[in-house]
Amino acid sequence: MSKSVKNNRVRIIGGDWRGRRLQVADVPGLRPTGDRCRETLFNWLQPWVAAADCADLFAGTGALGFEAASRGAATVLMVEKHPRALAVLGESIEQLQAEQVTLRAGGAMSLIDSLAANSLDLVFVDPPFDSNLGALVLDRLAAQACVRPGGFVYLESPAKLQLLPPAGWSVWRDQQQGEVRMQLFRHRLQPAERNLPEDGSDN
């Protein structure tokens, strides 16, 4: 989570809900992914967001999940364990009439274990900055095989932390913005499956 909340709203920056401002729960340490990082991330993902099945595993403010839904994602599963943040996310779903968004209470690790194989295209992982959950979640996602070949996992972490991809994955993008490291990992396509947009990063 990239920056402190300076007010109690987060703005959707693109898609059908562009400009809509959603409430942020008053929860210590809760920080939305900033506008600049989100713009960069969704520029990277632009060819793949529409009709994608997504999961936002540390939903928090909902900034990433709602941004994906606004830009045409088919489904977005938001996972959050803090009761107040969960309640505010539910209110935002109602406010937007976001029928494609499903909210689930609980922790990311246990949720991953319940996911079906090849059920997701995009996964957003933005854990608390003072945690070491990013690497654990990335490895668990790879082991569970819930991300389809060609799918992505976005991981946001402190700038000094650079993670290596699990076996069968590659680093698609890696960028630092201030105190934040943005890493986008891709589940490698098999040769017969290379019918999705590519830029050579998996070769």
Protein backbone atom coordinates (compact mmCIF):
# COMPACT_ATOMS: atom_id res chain seq x y z
CA MET A 1 0.00 0.00 0.00
CA SER A 2 1.74 3.03 -1.28
CA LYS A 3 0.84 6.22 0.52
CA SER A 4 -1.01 7.53 3.53
CA VAL A 5 -4.63 8.52 3.12
CA LYS A 6 -4.77 12.32 3.28
CA ASN A 7 -8.54 12.36 3.30
CA ASN A 8 -11.30 9.81 3.56
CA ARG A 9 -11.81 9.26 -0.16
CA VAL A 10 -10.12 7.39 -2.99
CA ARG A 11 -10.71 8.37 -6.62
CA ILE A 12 -11.24 5.96 -9.49
CA ILE A 13 -9.04 7.24 -12.32
CA GLY A 14 -10.29 5.40 -15.41
CA GLY A 15 -13.14 3.50 -17.03
CA ASP A 16 -16.90 3.68 -16.49
CA TRP A 17 -16.57 5.06 -12.95
CA ARG A 18 -13.81 7.53 -13.73
CA GLY A 19 -13.80 10.40 -11.24
CA ARG A 20 -16.02 8.65 -8.69
CA ARG A 21 -14.75 9.05 -5.13
CA LEU A 22 -15.25 6.25 -2.65
CA GLN A 23 -15.05 6.28 1.13
CA VAL A 24 -11.92 4.97 2.85
CA ALA A 25 -12.32 3.22 6.19
CA ASP A 26 -10.63 4.83 9.19
CA VAL A 27 -8.28 1.92 9.85
CA PRO A 28 -4.69 2.40 11.08
CA GLY A 29 -2.17 1.74 8.33
CA LEU A 30 -4.76 1.54 5.57
CA ARG A 31 -3.31 3.19 2.47
CA PRO A 32 -4.62 3.10 -1.09
CA THR A 33 -2.39 2.56 -4.09
CA GLY A 34 -1.74 6.11 -5.30
CA ASP A 35 -3.10 7.58 -8.53
CA ARG A 36 0.27 7.60 -10.25
CA CYS A 37 1.00 3.95 -9.46
CA ARG A 38 -2.50 2.90 -10.52
CA GLU A 39 -2.20 4.79 -13.79
CA THR A 40 1.11 3.07 -14.51
CA LEU A 41 -0.20 -0.36 -13.56
CA PHE A 42 -3.36 -0.16 -15.64
CA ASN A 43 -1.41 1.17 -18.61
CA TRP A 44 0.64 -2.02 -18.37
CA LEU A 45 -2.49 -4.15 -18.09
CA GLN A 46 -4.67 -2.31 -20.60
CA PRO A 47 -4.83 -5.16 -23.18
CA TRP A 48 -5.86 -7.71 -20.57
CA VAL A 49 -8.26 -6.06 -18.09
CA ALA A 50 -11.46 -6.19 -20.15
CA ALA A 51 -13.39 -9.42 -19.44
CA ALA A 52 -10.71 -10.60 -16.97
CA ASP A 53 -11.41 -12.56 -13.80
CA CYS A 54 -9.59 -10.72 -11.00
CA ALA A 55 -8.85 -10.99 -7.29
CA ASP A 56 -7.77 -8.19 -4.95
CA LEU A 57 -6.32 -10.15 -2.03
CA PHE A 58 -5.67 -7.25 0.37
CA ALA A 59 -8.55 -5.09 -0.80
CA GLY A 60 -8.25 -2.41 1.92
CA THR A 61 -9.65 0.69 0.24
CA GLY A 62 -10.69 -1.20 -2.90
CA ALA A 63 -8.56 1.08 -5.10
CA LEU A 64 -7.18 -1.71 -7.28
CA GLY A 65 -10.25 -3.92 -7.45
CA PHE A 66 -12.67 -1.10 -8.23
CA GLU A 67 -10.26 0.29 -10.83
CA ALA A 68 -10.23 -3.09 -12.59
CA ALA A 69 -14.02 -3.35 -12.46
CA SER A 70 -14.38 0.19 -13.79
CA ARG A 71 -12.19 -0.76 -16.74
CA GLY A 72 -14.28 -3.76 -17.76
CA ALA A 73 -13.15 -6.73 -15.67
CA ALA A 74 -15.73 -9.52 -15.79
CA THR A 75 -15.39 -10.44 -12.12
CA VAL A 76 -13.49 -9.00 -9.17
CA LEU A 77 -13.14 -10.91 -5.90
CA MET A 78 -12.17 -8.59 -3.03
CA VAL A 79 -10.71 -10.13 0.12
CA GLU A 80 -10.45 -8.16 3.36
CA LYS A 81 -10.23 -9.23 7.00
CA HIS A 82 -10.65 -5.94 8.90
CA PRO A 83 -14.35 -5.57 9.83
CA ARG A 84 -14.54 -1.80 9.32
CA ALA A 85 -12.74 -1.89 5.97
CA LEU A 86 -14.98 -4.78 4.93
CA ALA A 87 -18.11 -2.79 5.79
CA VAL A 88 -16.96 0.28 3.85
CA LEU A 89 -16.10 -1.86 0.82
CA GLY A 90 -19.61 -3.29 0.95
CA GLU A 91 -21.05 0.23 0.97
CA SER A 92 -18.93 1.16 -2.05
CA ILE A 93 -20.12 -1.91 -3.96
CA GLU A 94 -23.71 -0.84 -3.31
CA GLN A 95 -22.99 2.78 -4.23
CA LEU A 96 -21.48 1.76 -7.58
CA GLN A 97 -23.99 -1.04 -8.15
CA ALA A 98 -20.93 -3.13 -8.93
CA GLU A 99 -22.55 -6.50 -9.65
CA GLN A 100 -19.27 -7.91 -10.94
CA VAL A 101 -17.58 -7.38 -7.55
CA THR A 102 -17.79 -10.03 -4.82
CA LEU A 103 -16.61 -9.31 -1.27
CA ARG A 104 -15.25 -12.02 1.00
CA ALA A 105 -14.15 -11.70 4.63
CA GLY A 106 -10.93 -13.36 5.67
CA GLY A 107 -7.21 -13.58 5.05
CA ALA A 108 -5.50 -13.86 1.69
CA MET A 109 -3.61 -17.08 2.38
CA SER A 110 -6.66 -19.11 3.35
CA LEU A 111 -8.61 -17.67 0.42
CA ILE A 112 -5.95 -18.80 -2.06
CA ASP A 113 -6.29 -22.38 -0.84
CA SER A 114 -9.98 -22.31 -1.80
CA LEU A 115 -9.44 -21.05 -5.34
CA ALA A 116 -9.93 -23.38 -8.28
CA ALA A 117 -7.06 -24.03 -10.67
CA ASN A 118 -6.92 -21.70 -13.68
CA SER A 119 -9.73 -19.51 -12.32
CA LEU A 120 -8.08 -16.06 -12.45
CA ASP A 121 -6.46 -13.77 -15.00
CA LEU A 122 -5.27 -10.92 -12.74
CA VAL A 123 -4.39 -10.91 -9.05
CA PHE A 124 -3.56 -7.77 -7.07
CA VAL A 125 -1.32 -8.22 -4.02
CA ASP A 126 -0.83 -5.06 -1.96
CA PRO A 127 -0.15 -6.22 1.61
CA PRO A 128 0.78 -3.97 4.55
CA PHE A 129 4.23 -2.49 4.01
CA ASP A 130 5.58 -3.79 7.31
CA SER A 131 4.66 -7.39 6.48
CA ASN A 132 6.52 -10.09 4.59
CA LEU A 133 3.35 -11.41 3.01
CA GLY A 134 4.08 -10.53 -0.61
CA ALA A 135 6.58 -13.32 -1.23
CA LEU A 136 4.47 -15.85 0.65
CA VAL A 137 1.34 -14.97 -1.32
CA LEU A 138 3.16 -15.06 -4.66
CA ASP A 139 4.55 -18.52 -3.93
CA ARG A 140 1.16 -19.78 -2.73
CA LEU A 141 -0.58 -18.49 -5.86
CA ALA A 142 1.97 -20.30 -8.03
CA ALA A 143 1.65 -23.52 -6.03
CA GLN A 144 -2.14 -23.42 -6.16
CA ALA A 145 -2.04 -22.85 -9.95
CA CYS A 146 -5.11 -20.61 -9.75
CA VAL A 147 -3.76 -18.08 -12.27
CA ARG A 148 -4.27 -19.05 -15.90
CA PRO A 149 -1.29 -19.27 -18.27
CA GLY A 150 -0.69 -15.77 -19.56
CA GLY A 151 -2.23 -14.27 -16.41
CA PHE A 152 -0.63 -11.75 -14.08
CA VAL A 153 0.09 -11.10 -10.42
CA TYR A 154 0.79 -7.51 -9.41
CA LEU A 155 2.81 -7.06 -6.24
CA GLU A 156 3.34 -3.73 -4.48
CA SER A 157 6.09 -3.55 -1.86
CA PRO A 158 8.75 -1.26 -0.35
CA ALA A 159 11.20 -0.02 -2.98
CA LYS A 160 14.14 -1.93 -1.50
CA LEU A 161 12.32 -5.27 -1.77
CA GLN A 162 12.74 -7.01 -5.11
CA LEU A 163 11.20 -10.46 -5.41
CA LEU A 164 12.13 -13.20 -7.84
CA PRO A 165 9.42 -14.99 -9.82
CA PRO A 166 8.42 -18.55 -8.92
CA ALA A 167 9.19 -21.38 -11.35
CA GLY A 168 7.09 -21.04 -14.49
CA TRP A 169 6.69 -17.28 -14.03
CA SER A 170 8.56 -14.25 -15.34
CA VAL A 171 8.96 -10.63 -14.30
CA TRP A 172 6.87 -8.73 -16.84
CA ARG A 173 7.42 -5.24 -15.41
CA ASP A 174 9.49 -3.91 -12.50
CA GLN A 175 9.45 -0.21 -11.63
CA GLN A 176 10.18 1.97 -8.64
CA GLN A 177 8.07 5.04 -7.85
CA GLY A 178 9.35 6.84 -4.78
CA GLU A 179 9.17 4.47 -1.83
CA VAL A 180 7.15 1.89 -3.78
CA ARG A 181 8.29 -1.03 -5.93
CA MET A 182 5.78 -2.16 -8.53
CA GLN A 183 6.35 -5.68 -9.82
CA LEU A 184 4.15 -7.43 -12.36
CA PHE A 185 4.70 -11.16 -12.70
CA ARG A 186 3.35 -13.25 -15.57
CA HIS A 187 2.48 -16.93 -15.65
CA ARG A 188 4.35 -18.11 -18.71
CA LEU A 189 2.42 -19.31 -21.72
CA GLN A 190 3.23 -22.67 -23.23
CA PRO A 191 4.22 -22.50 -26.93
CA ALA A 192 0.82 -23.79 -28.12
CA GLU A 193 -0.95 -21.17 -25.99
CA ARG A 194 0.80 -18.08 -27.35
CA ASN A 195 -2.35 -16.52 -28.76
CA LEU A 196 -2.53 -13.67 -26.24
CA PRO A 197 -0.78 -10.29 -26.66
CA GLU A 198 2.94 -10.69 -26.07
CA ASP A 199 5.93 -8.35 -26.08
CA GLY A 200 8.69 -10.89 -25.93
CA SER A 201 9.22 -10.81 -22.15
CA ASP A 202 8.44 -14.52 -21.83
CA ASN A 203 10.82 -15.64 -24.55
